[in-house]
């Protein structure tokens, strides 16, 4: 299984989207500053993830979630989560 995931930076309030085979390990790497592109945006909350059968599908989904329509999808999908965690 591969995972497409979305993190919320508690520092700047922006999202980060990525994909990985080991979600727990990758989240820990983000939290510990081991990922160059996010090390200055810690700490994070994992706000969304999807499981995919293979890496190709996970990468396609990651690319989609980074598009305008993907961001609209996430905004609608996370609307209830944001209300519960405000």
Protein backbone atom coordinates (compact mmCIF):
# COMPACT_ATOMS: atom_id res chain seq x y z
CA UNK A 1 0.00 0.00 0.00
CA UNK A 2 1.01 3.59 -0.66
CA UNK A 3 -0.46 6.65 0.98
CA UNK A 4 -1.22 10.14 -0.23
CA UNK A 5 -1.34 12.48 2.75
CA UNK A 6 -1.95 16.08 3.72
CA UNK A 7 -0.28 17.79 6.66
CA UNK A 8 -1.31 21.05 8.26
CA UNK A 9 1.51 23.24 9.51
CA UNK A 10 0.65 24.62 12.92
CA UNK A 11 3.26 27.32 12.34
CA UNK A 12 1.98 28.88 9.10
CA UNK A 13 -1.46 27.27 8.71
CA UNK A 14 -0.66 25.93 5.23
CA UNK A 15 -1.01 22.41 3.89
CA UNK A 16 1.68 20.09 2.59
CA UNK A 17 0.74 17.18 0.31
CA UNK A 18 2.92 14.12 -0.30
CA UNK A 19 2.91 10.36 -0.78
CA UNK A 20 4.78 7.51 0.87
CA UNK A 21 4.82 3.79 1.47
CA UNK A 22 5.22 4.16 5.26
CA UNK A 23 2.91 6.88 6.55
CA UNK A 24 3.99 6.71 10.20
CA UNK A 25 7.69 6.91 9.35
CA UNK A 26 7.16 9.78 6.90
CA UNK A 27 5.06 11.75 9.39
CA UNK A 28 7.78 11.28 12.02
CA UNK A 29 10.38 12.50 9.52
CA UNK A 30 8.34 15.66 8.91
CA UNK A 31 7.91 16.24 12.64
CA UNK A 32 11.62 15.73 13.36
CA UNK A 33 12.79 18.15 10.66
CA UNK A 34 14.28 15.46 8.44
CA UNK A 35 12.39 16.64 5.33
CA UNK A 36 14.12 19.62 3.75
CA UNK A 37 10.97 21.18 2.27
CA UNK A 38 9.06 21.20 5.58
CA UNK A 39 11.67 21.45 8.32
CA UNK A 40 10.99 25.15 8.96
CA UNK A 41 7.21 24.69 9.08
CA UNK A 42 6.94 22.34 12.07
CA UNK A 43 4.95 21.15 13.97
CA UNK A 44 2.36 19.38 11.81
CA UNK A 45 -0.98 17.68 12.14
CA UNK A 46 -1.93 14.85 9.79
CA UNK A 47 -5.31 16.04 8.54
CA UNK A 48 -6.01 13.69 5.62
CA UNK A 49 -4.74 10.55 3.94
CA UNK A 50 -5.81 8.02 1.33
CA UNK A 51 -4.54 4.50 0.78
CA UNK A 52 -3.65 3.46 -2.77
CA UNK A 53 -2.84 0.03 -4.18
CA UNK A 54 0.38 1.13 -5.88
CA UNK A 55 2.85 3.99 -6.10
CA UNK A 56 1.61 5.13 -9.50
CA UNK A 57 -1.92 5.71 -8.19
CA UNK A 58 -0.62 7.49 -5.08
CA UNK A 59 1.51 9.84 -7.18
CA UNK A 60 -1.42 10.57 -9.50
CA UNK A 61 -3.61 11.37 -6.50
CA UNK A 62 -0.91 13.60 -4.98
CA UNK A 63 -0.66 15.55 -8.24
CA UNK A 64 -4.44 15.93 -8.38
CA UNK A 65 -4.67 17.19 -4.79
CA UNK A 66 -2.14 19.90 -5.67
CA UNK A 67 -4.34 21.25 -8.49
CA UNK A 68 -7.03 23.89 -8.09
CA UNK A 69 -9.77 21.25 -8.18
CA UNK A 70 -7.88 19.03 -5.76
CA UNK A 71 -7.54 21.91 -3.30
CA UNK A 72 -11.29 22.56 -3.61
CA UNK A 73 -11.93 18.85 -2.91
CA UNK A 74 -9.73 19.00 0.21
CA UNK A 75 -11.37 22.19 1.41
CA UNK A 76 -14.79 20.53 1.22
CA UNK A 77 -13.52 17.25 2.66
CA UNK A 78 -11.82 18.96 5.61
CA UNK A 79 -14.62 21.42 6.35
CA UNK A 80 -16.01 19.29 9.20
CA UNK A 81 -12.53 18.52 10.56
CA UNK A 82 -11.70 22.23 10.72
CA UNK A 83 -14.93 22.96 12.60
CA UNK A 84 -14.26 20.20 15.14
CA UNK A 85 -10.63 21.26 15.75
CA UNK A 86 -11.06 25.03 15.95
